[in-house]
Amino acid sequence: MFTRQLSDVEKTDFFVDWGNGTSHRLLTQRDGMGFTVCHTIVRAGSESRLQYRRHLEACYCISGSGEVEDMSGAIHRIEPGNHLRARRP
């Protein structure tokens, strides 16, 4: 068993500033669990075009709000307590 603090991750390559936000990669492929866990913050007012070619994405919002537009053009509202999971193409 292990624990990771956000402040510890910020000192490693597992902290990524991707332009419109930051991502703390808390659990990665290297940990051998078969999935990853990230703490991601999206900058207010930003728009990001994201594509995941090798994995699916699931999000759980803990603060703030926003919208995700999927490939079909459907808009999904995200706010605290909501869970969003991408469907397989």
PDB file of N, CA and C in Angstrom:
ATOM      1  N   MET A   1       0.845  -1.171   0.000  1.00  0.00           N
ATOM      2  CA  MET A   1       0.000   0.000   0.000  1.00  0.00           C
ATOM      3  C   MET A   1       0.893   1.238   0.000  1.00  0.00           C
ATOM      4  N   PHE A   2       0.404   2.290  -0.644  1.00  0.00           N
ATOM      5  CA  PHE A   2       1.151   3.540  -0.659  1.00  0.00           C
ATOM      6  C   PHE A   2       0.169   4.704  -0.697  1.00  0.00           C
ATOM      7  N   THR A   3       0.652   5.862  -0.371  1.00  0.00           N
ATOM      8  CA  THR A   3      -0.134   7.088  -0.492  1.00  0.00           C
ATOM      9  C   THR A   3       0.675   8.101  -1.284  1.00  0.00           C
ATOM     10  N   ARG A   4      -0.023   8.993  -1.952  1.00  0.00           N
ATOM     11  CA  ARG A   4       0.636  10.086  -2.671  1.00  0.00           C
ATOM     12  C   ARG A   4      -0.098  11.380  -2.354  1.00  0.00           C
ATOM     13  N   GLN A   5       0.645  12.394  -2.059  1.00  0.00           N
ATOM     14  CA  GLN A   5       0.099  13.722  -1.807  1.00  0.00           C
ATOM     15  C   GLN A   5       0.213  14.564  -3.076  1.00  0.00           C
ATOM     16  N   LEU A   6      -0.756  15.441  -3.307  1.00  0.00           N
ATOM     17  CA  LEU A   6      -0.691  16.330  -4.468  1.00  0.00           C
ATOM     18  C   LEU A   6       0.616  17.117  -4.467  1.00  0.00           C
ATOM     19  N   SER A   7       1.030  17.597  -3.304  1.00  0.00           N
ATOM     20  CA  SER A   7       2.258  18.398  -3.220  1.00  0.00           C
ATOM     21  C   SER A   7       3.490  17.584  -3.603  1.00  0.00           C
ATOM     22  N   ASP A   8       3.494  16.286  -3.319  1.00  0.00           N
ATOM     23  CA  ASP A   8       4.621  15.433  -3.713  1.00  0.00           C
ATOM     24  C   ASP A   8       4.632  15.207  -5.222  1.00  0.00           C
ATOM     25  N   VAL A   9       3.449  15.009  -5.807  1.00  0.00           N
ATOM     26  CA  VAL A   9       3.346  14.776  -7.247  1.00  0.00           C
ATOM     27  C   VAL A   9       3.823  16.006  -8.024  1.00  0.00           C
ATOM     28  N   GLU A  10       3.586  17.200  -7.484  1.00  0.00           N
ATOM     29  CA  GLU A  10       3.981  18.440  -8.168  1.00  0.00           C
ATOM     30  C   GLU A  10       5.485  18.539  -8.397  1.00  0.00           C
ATOM     31  N   LYS A  11       6.260  17.768  -7.680  1.00  0.00           N
ATOM     32  CA  LYS A  11       7.725  17.784  -7.811  1.00  0.00           C
ATOM     33  C   LYS A  11       8.228  16.726  -8.790  1.00  0.00           C
ATOM     34  N   THR A  12       7.306  16.062  -9.505  1.00  0.00           N
ATOM     35  CA  THR A  12       7.684  14.958 -10.391  1.00  0.00           C
ATOM     36  C   THR A  12       7.175  15.196 -11.809  1.00  0.00           C
ATOM     37  N   ASP A  13       7.524  14.273 -12.705  1.00  0.00           N
ATOM     38  CA  ASP A  13       7.011  14.308 -14.081  1.00  0.00           C
ATOM     39  C   ASP A  13       5.535  13.926 -14.153  1.00  0.00           C
ATOM     40  N   PHE A  14       4.945  13.496 -13.040  1.00  0.00           N
ATOM     41  CA  PHE A  14       3.532  13.126 -13.015  1.00  0.00           C
ATOM     42  C   PHE A  14       2.631  14.326 -12.747  1.00  0.00           C
ATOM     43  N   PHE A  15       3.218  15.521 -12.675  1.00  0.00           N
ATOM     44  CA  PHE A  15       2.458  16.767 -12.628  1.00  0.00           C
ATOM     45  C   PHE A  15       2.590  17.409 -13.998  1.00  0.00           C
ATOM     46  N   VAL A  16       1.454  17.611 -14.675  1.00  0.00           N
ATOM     47  CA  VAL A  16       1.476  18.101 -16.049  1.00  0.00           C
ATOM     48  C   VAL A  16       0.632  19.376 -16.159  1.00  0.00           C
ATOM     49  N   ASP A  17       1.243  20.434 -16.678  1.00  0.00           N
ATOM     50  CA  ASP A  17       0.501  21.631 -17.055  1.00  0.00           C
ATOM     51  C   ASP A  17       0.248  21.504 -18.549  1.00  0.00           C
ATOM     52  N   TRP A  18      -0.990  21.243 -18.937  1.00  0.00           N
ATOM     53  CA  TRP A  18      -1.319  20.959 -20.336  1.00  0.00           C
ATOM     54  C   TRP A  18      -1.899  22.169 -21.066  1.00  0.00           C
ATOM     55  N   GLY A  19      -1.669  23.341 -20.531  1.00  0.00           N
ATOM     56  CA  GLY A  19      -2.088  24.564 -21.218  1.00  0.00           C
ATOM     57  C   GLY A  19      -3.356  25.166 -20.661  1.00  0.00           C
ATOM     58  N   ASN A  20      -4.451  24.418 -20.662  1.00  0.00           N
ATOM     59  CA  ASN A  20      -5.719  24.909 -20.127  1.00  0.00           C
ATOM     60  C   ASN A  20      -6.008  24.381 -18.731  1.00  0.00           C
ATOM     61  N   GLY A  21      -5.006  23.799 -18.106  1.00  0.00           N
ATOM     62  CA  GLY A  21      -5.184  23.281 -16.762  1.00  0.00           C
ATOM     63  C   GLY A  21      -3.986  22.461 -16.334  1.00  0.00           C
ATOM     64  N   THR A  22      -4.151  21.808 -15.197  1.00  0.00           N
ATOM     65  CA  THR A  22      -3.083  20.963 -14.662  1.00  0.00           C
ATOM     66  C   THR A  22      -3.641  19.591 -14.300  1.00  0.00           C
ATOM     67  N   SER A  23      -2.768  18.609 -14.290  1.00  0.00           N
ATOM     68  CA  SER A  23      -3.158  17.248 -13.936  1.00  0.00           C
ATOM     69  C   SER A  23      -2.108  16.636 -13.020  1.00  0.00           C
ATOM     70  N   HIS A  24      -2.549  16.165 -11.861  1.00  0.00           N
ATOM     71  CA  HIS A  24      -1.709  15.402 -10.941  1.00  0.00           C
ATOM     72  C   HIS A  24      -2.005  13.931 -11.218  1.00  0.00           C
ATOM     73  N   ARG A  25      -1.063  13.203 -11.746  1.00  0.00           N
ATOM     74  CA  ARG A  25      -1.271  11.783 -12.054  1.00  0.00           C
ATOM     75  C   ARG A  25      -0.904  10.971 -10.818  1.00  0.00           C
ATOM     76  N   LEU A  26      -1.927  10.646 -10.041  1.00  0.00           N
ATOM     77  CA  LEU A  26      -1.739  10.018  -8.733  1.00  0.00           C
ATOM     78  C   LEU A  26      -1.495   8.520  -8.820  1.00  0.00           C
ATOM     79  N   LEU A  27      -2.143   7.868  -9.749  1.00  0.00           N
ATOM     80  CA  LEU A  27      -1.989   6.429  -9.963  1.00  0.00           C
ATOM     81  C   LEU A  27      -1.786   6.246 -11.457  1.00  0.00           C
ATOM     82  N   THR A  28      -0.706   5.589 -11.858  1.00  0.00           N
ATOM     83  CA  THR A  28      -0.372   5.469 -13.278  1.00  0.00           C
ATOM     84  C   THR A  28      -0.178   4.004 -13.670  1.00  0.00           C
ATOM     85  N   GLN A  29       0.038   3.779 -14.948  1.00  0.00           N
ATOM     86  CA  GLN A  29       0.270   2.428 -15.467  1.00  0.00           C
ATOM     87  C   GLN A  29       1.408   1.749 -14.711  1.00  0.00           C
ATOM     88  N   ARG A  30       2.405   2.502 -14.354  1.00  0.00           N
ATOM     89  CA  ARG A  30       3.567   1.965 -13.641  1.00  0.00           C
ATOM     90  C   ARG A  30       3.186   1.316 -12.300  1.00  0.00           C
ATOM     91  N   ASP A  31       2.073   1.755 -11.718  1.00  0.00           N
ATOM     92  CA  ASP A  31       1.635   1.191 -10.441  1.00  0.00           C
ATOM     93  C   ASP A  31       0.960  -0.170 -10.592  1.00  0.00           C
ATOM     94  N   GLY A  32       0.640  -0.577 -11.832  1.00  0.00           N
ATOM     95  CA  GLY A  32       0.140  -1.918 -12.099  1.00  0.00           C
ATOM     96  C   GLY A  32      -1.285  -2.206 -11.666  1.00  0.00           C
ATOM     97  N   MET A  33      -2.120  -1.199 -11.506  1.00  0.00           N
ATOM     98  CA  MET A  33      -3.499  -1.425 -11.070  1.00  0.00           C
ATOM     99  C   MET A  33      -4.467  -1.668 -12.233  1.00  0.00           C
ATOM    100  N   GLY A  34      -4.058  -1.370 -13.464  1.00  0.00           N
ATOM    101  CA  GLY A  34      -4.942  -1.555 -14.608  1.00  0.00           C
ATOM    102  C   GLY A  34      -5.794  -0.335 -14.926  1.00  0.00           C
ATOM    103  N   PHE A  35      -5.648   0.729 -14.157  1.00  0.00           N
ATOM    104  CA  PHE A  35      -6.342   1.990 -14.417  1.00  0.00           C
ATOM    105  C   PHE A  35      -5.516   3.115 -13.810  1.00  0.00           C
ATOM    106  N   THR A  36      -5.871   4.353 -14.152  1.00  0.00           N
ATOM    107  CA  THR A  36      -5.167   5.505 -13.600  1.00  0.00           C
ATOM    108  C   THR A  36      -6.139   6.397 -12.840  1.00  0.00           C
ATOM    109  N   VAL A  37      -5.588   7.202 -11.944  1.00  0.00           N
ATOM    110  CA  VAL A  37      -6.364   8.203 -11.214  1.00  0.00           C
ATOM    111  C   VAL A  37      -5.623   9.525 -11.325  1.00  0.00           C
ATOM    112  N   CYS A  38      -6.328  10.540 -11.771  1.00  0.00           N
ATOM    113  CA  CYS A  38      -5.732  11.875 -11.919  1.00  0.00           C
ATOM    114  C   CYS A  38      -6.604  12.907 -11.217  1.00  0.00           C
ATOM    115  N   HIS A  39      -5.962  13.904 -10.649  1.00  0.00           N
ATOM    116  CA  HIS A  39      -6.641  15.075 -10.092  1.00  0.00           C
ATOM    117  C   HIS A  39      -6.387  16.193 -11.092  1.00  0.00           C
ATOM    118  N   THR A  40      -7.418  16.566 -11.843  1.00  0.00           N
ATOM    119  CA  THR A  40      -7.256  17.531 -12.929  1.00  0.00           C
ATOM    120  C   THR A  40      -8.033  18.800 -12.625  1.00  0.00           C
ATOM    121  N   ILE A  41      -7.397  19.927 -12.865  1.00  0.00           N
ATOM    122  CA  ILE A  41      -8.033  21.233 -12.713  1.00  0.00           C
ATOM    123  C   ILE A  41      -8.024  21.906 -14.082  1.00  0.00           C
ATOM    124  N   VAL A  42      -9.209  22.298 -14.544  1.00  0.00           N
ATOM    125  CA  VAL A  42      -9.346  22.990 -15.824  1.00  0.00           C
ATOM    126  C   VAL A  42      -9.486  24.482 -15.527  1.00  0.00           C
ATOM    127  N   ARG A  43      -8.703  25.291 -16.214  1.00  0.00           N
ATOM    128  CA  ARG A  43      -8.742  26.739 -15.990  1.00  0.00           C
ATOM    129  C   ARG A  43     -10.091  27.320 -16.421  1.00  0.00           C
ATOM    130  N   ALA A  44     -10.645  28.182 -15.578  1.00  0.00           N
ATOM    131  CA  ALA A  44     -11.944  28.814 -15.837  1.00  0.00           C
ATOM    132  C   ALA A  44     -11.939  29.534 -17.177  1.00  0.00           C
ATOM    133  N   GLY A  45     -13.026  29.368 -17.918  1.00  0.00           N
ATOM    134  CA  GLY A  45     -13.196  30.057 -19.187  1.00  0.00           C
ATOM    135  C   GLY A  45     -12.451  29.450 -20.360  1.00  0.00           C
ATOM    136  N   SER A  46     -11.719  28.376 -20.130  1.00  0.00           N
ATOM    137  CA  SER A  46     -10.935  27.780 -21.217  1.00  0.00           C
ATOM    138  C   SER A  46     -11.780  26.795 -22.026  1.00  0.00           C
ATOM    139  N   GLU A  47     -11.355  26.562 -23.250  1.00  0.00           N
ATOM    140  CA  GLU A  47     -11.948  25.543 -24.113  1.00  0.00           C
ATOM    141  C   GLU A  47     -10.832  24.618 -24.555  1.00  0.00           C
ATOM    142  N   SER A  48     -11.077  23.318 -24.468  1.00  0.00           N
ATOM    143  CA  SER A  48     -10.054  22.330 -24.820  1.00  0.00           C
ATOM    144  C   SER A  48     -10.645  21.299 -25.758  1.00  0.00           C
ATOM    145  N   ARG A  49      -9.923  20.978 -26.794  1.00  0.00           N
ATOM    146  CA  ARG A  49     -10.323  19.900 -27.701  1.00  0.00           C
ATOM    147  C   ARG A  49      -9.454  18.699 -27.329  1.00  0.00           C
ATOM    148  N   LEU A  50     -10.079  17.679 -26.753  1.00  0.00           N
ATOM    149  CA  LEU A  50      -9.356  16.509 -26.263  1.00  0.00           C
ATOM    150  C   LEU A  50      -9.777  15.268 -27.036  1.00  0.00           C
ATOM    151  N   GLN A  51      -8.829  14.383 -27.260  1.00  0.00           N
ATOM    152  CA  GLN A  51      -9.103  13.109 -27.917  1.00  0.00           C
ATOM    153  C   GLN A  51      -8.293  12.041 -27.201  1.00  0.00           C
ATOM    154  N   TYR A  52      -8.963  10.961 -26.837  1.00  0.00           N
ATOM    155  CA  TYR A  52      -8.296   9.855 -26.163  1.00  0.00           C
ATOM    156  C   TYR A  52      -8.293   8.660 -27.106  1.00  0.00           C
ATOM    157  N   ARG A  53      -7.153   8.317 -27.626  1.00  0.00           N
ATOM    158  CA  ARG A  53      -7.059   7.227 -28.604  1.00  0.00           C
ATOM    159  C   ARG A  53      -6.834   5.869 -27.963  1.00  0.00           C
ATOM    160  N   ARG A  54      -6.218   5.842 -26.787  1.00  0.00           N
ATOM    161  CA  ARG A  54      -5.838   4.558 -26.192  1.00  0.00           C
ATOM    162  C   ARG A  54      -6.527   4.259 -24.867  1.00  0.00           C
ATOM    163  N   HIS A  55      -7.438   5.110 -24.445  1.00  0.00           N
ATOM    164  CA  HIS A  55      -8.116   4.840 -23.187  1.00  0.00           C
ATOM    165  C   HIS A  55      -9.462   5.552 -23.138  1.00  0.00           C
ATOM    166  N   LEU A  56     -10.257   5.193 -22.149  1.00  0.00           N
ATOM    167  CA  LEU A  56     -11.519   5.868 -21.884  1.00  0.00           C
ATOM    168  C   LEU A  56     -11.308   6.848 -20.742  1.00  0.00           C
ATOM    169  N   GLU A  57     -12.207   7.781 -20.603  1.00  0.00           N
ATOM    170  CA  GLU A  57     -12.104   8.806 -19.574  1.00  0.00           C
ATOM    171  C   GLU A  57     -13.359   8.775 -18.721  1.00  0.00           C
ATOM    172  N   ALA A  58     -13.196   8.847 -17.421  1.00  0.00           N
ATOM    173  CA  ALA A  58     -14.302   9.033 -16.491  1.00  0.00           C
ATOM    174  C   ALA A  58     -13.938  10.212 -15.605  1.00  0.00           C
ATOM    175  N   CYS A  59     -14.891  11.110 -15.389  1.00  0.00           N
ATOM    176  CA  CYS A  59     -14.631  12.307 -14.593  1.00  0.00           C
ATOM    177  C   CYS A  59     -15.641  12.383 -13.459  1.00  0.00           C
ATOM    178  N   TYR A  60     -15.178  12.883 -12.316  1.00  0.00           N
ATOM    179  CA  TYR A  60     -16.055  13.170 -11.188  1.00  0.00           C
ATOM    180  C   TYR A  60     -15.733  14.585 -10.737  1.00  0.00           C
ATOM    181  N   CYS A  61     -16.706  15.456 -10.768  1.00  0.00           N
ATOM    182  CA  CYS A  61     -16.502  16.866 -10.443  1.00  0.00           C
ATOM    183  C   CYS A  61     -16.653  17.085  -8.940  1.00  0.00           C
ATOM    184  N   ILE A  62     -15.647  17.743  -8.333  1.00  0.00           N
ATOM    185  CA  ILE A  62     -15.732  18.051  -6.904  1.00  0.00           C
ATOM    186  C   ILE A  62     -15.958  19.541  -6.640  1.00  0.00           C
ATOM    187  N   SER A  63     -15.664  20.402  -7.623  1.00  0.00           N
ATOM    188  CA  SER A  63     -15.991  21.822  -7.480  1.00  0.00           C
ATOM    189  C   SER A  63     -15.991  22.483  -8.851  1.00  0.00           C
ATOM    190  N   GLY A  64     -16.650  23.640  -8.935  1.00  0.00           N
ATOM    191  CA  GLY A  64     -16.753  24.347 -10.205  1.00  0.00           C
ATOM    192  C   GLY A  64     -17.829  23.727 -11.081  1.00  0.00           C
ATOM    193  N   SER A  65     -17.880  24.163 -12.323  1.00  0.00           N
ATOM    194  CA  SER A  65     -18.852  23.611 -13.264  1.00  0.00           C
ATOM    195  C   SER A  65     -18.364  23.864 -14.681  1.00  0.00           C
ATOM    196  N   GLY A  66     -18.946  23.155 -15.612  1.00  0.00           N
ATOM    197  CA  GLY A  66     -18.569  23.317 -17.005  1.00  0.00           C
ATOM    198  C   GLY A  66     -19.426  22.442 -17.888  1.00  0.00           C
ATOM    199  N   GLU A  67     -19.037  22.371 -19.145  1.00  0.00           N
ATOM    200  CA  GLU A  67     -19.751  21.557 -20.115  1.00  0.00           C
ATOM    201  C   GLU A  67     -18.760  20.768 -20.946  1.00  0.00           C
ATOM    202  N   VAL A  68     -19.208  19.590 -21.356  1.00  0.00           N
ATOM    203  CA  VAL A  68     -18.443  18.768 -22.283  1.00  0.00           C
ATOM    204  C   VAL A  68     -19.330  18.522 -23.494  1.00  0.00           C
ATOM    205  N   GLU A  69     -18.781  18.773 -24.671  1.00  0.00           N
ATOM    206  CA  GLU A  69     -19.496  18.474 -25.908  1.00  0.00           C
ATOM    207  C   GLU A  69     -18.876  17.223 -26.502  1.00  0.00           C
ATOM    208  N   ASP A  70     -19.695  16.182 -26.714  1.00  0.00           N
ATOM    209  CA  ASP A  70     -19.152  14.939 -27.262  1.00  0.00           C
ATOM    210  C   ASP A  70     -19.117  14.989 -28.789  1.00  0.00           C
ATOM    211  N   MET A  71     -18.630  13.928 -29.395  1.00  0.00           N
ATOM    212  CA  MET A  71     -18.448  13.885 -30.851  1.00  0.00           C
ATOM    213  C   MET A  71     -19.764  14.023 -31.622  1.00  0.00           C
ATOM    214  N   SER A  72     -20.888  13.673 -30.993  1.00  0.00           N
ATOM    215  CA  SER A  72     -22.186  13.794 -31.666  1.00  0.00           C
ATOM    216  C   SER A  72     -22.751  15.207 -31.563  1.00  0.00           C
ATOM    217  N   GLY A  73     -22.092  16.065 -30.767  1.00  0.00           N
ATOM    218  CA  GLY A  73     -22.571  17.427 -30.563  1.00  0.00           C
ATOM    219  C   GLY A  73     -23.427  17.596 -29.321  1.00  0.00           C
ATOM    220  N   ALA A  74     -23.703  16.496 -28.607  1.00  0.00           N
ATOM    221  CA  ALA A  74     -24.492  16.575 -27.376  1.00  0.00           C
ATOM    222  C   ALA A  74     -23.672  17.268 -26.283  1.00  0.00           C
ATOM    223  N   ILE A  75     -24.335  18.126 -25.518  1.00  0.00           N
ATOM    224  CA  ILE A  75     -23.697  18.863 -24.430  1.00  0.00           C
ATOM    225  C   ILE A  75     -24.037  18.179 -23.106  1.00  0.00           C
ATOM    226  N   HIS A  76     -23.014  17.952 -22.281  1.00  0.00           N
ATOM    227  CA  HIS A  76     -23.187  17.329 -20.969  1.00  0.00           C
ATOM    228  C   HIS A  76     -22.699  18.315 -19.912  1.00  0.00           C
ATOM    229  N   ARG A  77     -23.575  18.687 -19.002  1.00  0.00           N
ATOM    230  CA  ARG A  77     -23.239  19.623 -17.926  1.00  0.00           C
ATOM    231  C   ARG A  77     -22.466  18.883 -16.842  1.00  0.00           C
ATOM    232  N   ILE A  78     -21.395  19.505 -16.354  1.00  0.00           N
ATOM    233  CA  ILE A  78     -20.611  18.941 -15.255  1.00  0.00           C
ATOM    234  C   ILE A  78     -20.659  19.927 -14.097  1.00  0.00           C
ATOM    235  N   GLU A  79     -21.009  19.422 -12.912  1.00  0.00           N
ATOM    236  CA  GLU A  79     -21.007  20.233 -11.696  1.00  0.00           C
ATOM    237  C   GLU A  79     -20.772  19.308 -10.514  1.00  0.00           C
ATOM    238  N   PRO A  80     -20.519  19.857  -9.328  1.00  0.00           N
ATOM    239  CA  PRO A  80     -20.173  19.004  -8.187  1.00  0.00           C
ATOM    240  C   PRO A  80     -21.165  17.860  -7.980  1.00  0.00           C
ATOM    241  N   GLY A  81     -20.615  16.672  -7.827  1.00  0.00           N
ATOM    242  CA  GLY A  81     -21.413  15.474  -7.623  1.00  0.00           C
ATOM    243  C   GLY A  81     -21.732  14.718  -8.897  1.00  0.00           C
ATOM    244  N   ASN A  82     -21.494  15.320 -10.052  1.00  0.00           N
ATOM    245  CA  ASN A  82     -21.761  14.646 -11.326  1.00  0.00           C
ATOM    246  C   ASN A  82     -20.613  13.718 -11.705  1.00  0.00           C
ATOM    247  N   HIS A  83     -20.962  12.670 -12.396  1.00  0.00           N
ATOM    248  CA  HIS A  83     -19.989  11.729 -12.938  1.00  0.00           C
ATOM    249  C   HIS A  83     -20.203  11.695 -14.443  1.00  0.00           C
ATOM    250  N   LEU A  84     -19.127  11.761 -15.198  1.00  0.00           N
ATOM    251  CA  LEU A  84     -19.203  11.707 -16.657  1.00  0.00           C
ATOM    252  C   LEU A  84     -18.285  10.601 -17.131  1.00  0.00           C
ATOM    253  N   ARG A  85     -18.817   9.699 -17.948  1.00  0.00           N
ATOM    254  CA  ARG A  85     -18.010   8.616 -18.500  1.00  0.00           C
ATOM    255  C   ARG A  85     -18.167   8.628 -20.006  1.00  0.00           C
ATOM    256  N   ALA A  86     -17.047   8.605 -20.691  1.00  0.00           N
ATOM    257  CA  ALA A  86     -17.076   8.536 -22.154  1.00  0.00           C
ATOM    258  C   ALA A  86     -17.503   7.139 -22.584  1.00  0.00           C
ATOM    259  N   ARG A  87     -18.259   7.062 -23.651  1.00  0.00           N
ATOM    260  CA  ARG A  87     -18.660   5.763 -24.209  1.00  0.00           C
ATOM    261  C   ARG A  87     -17.657   5.331 -25.257  1.00  0.00           C
ATOM    262  N   ARG A  88     -17.554   4.039 -25.427  1.00  0.00           N
ATOM    263  CA  ARG A  88     -16.685   3.524 -26.489  1.00  0.00           C
ATOM    264  C   ARG A  88     -17.268   3.924 -27.836  1.00  0.00           C
ATOM    265  N   PRO A  89     -16.395   4.295 -28.789  1.00  0.00           N
ATOM    266  CA  PRO A  89     -16.898   4.690 -30.119  1.00  0.00           C
ATOM    267  C   PRO A  89     -17.576   3.535 -30.835  1.00  0.00           C
TER     268      PRO A  89
END
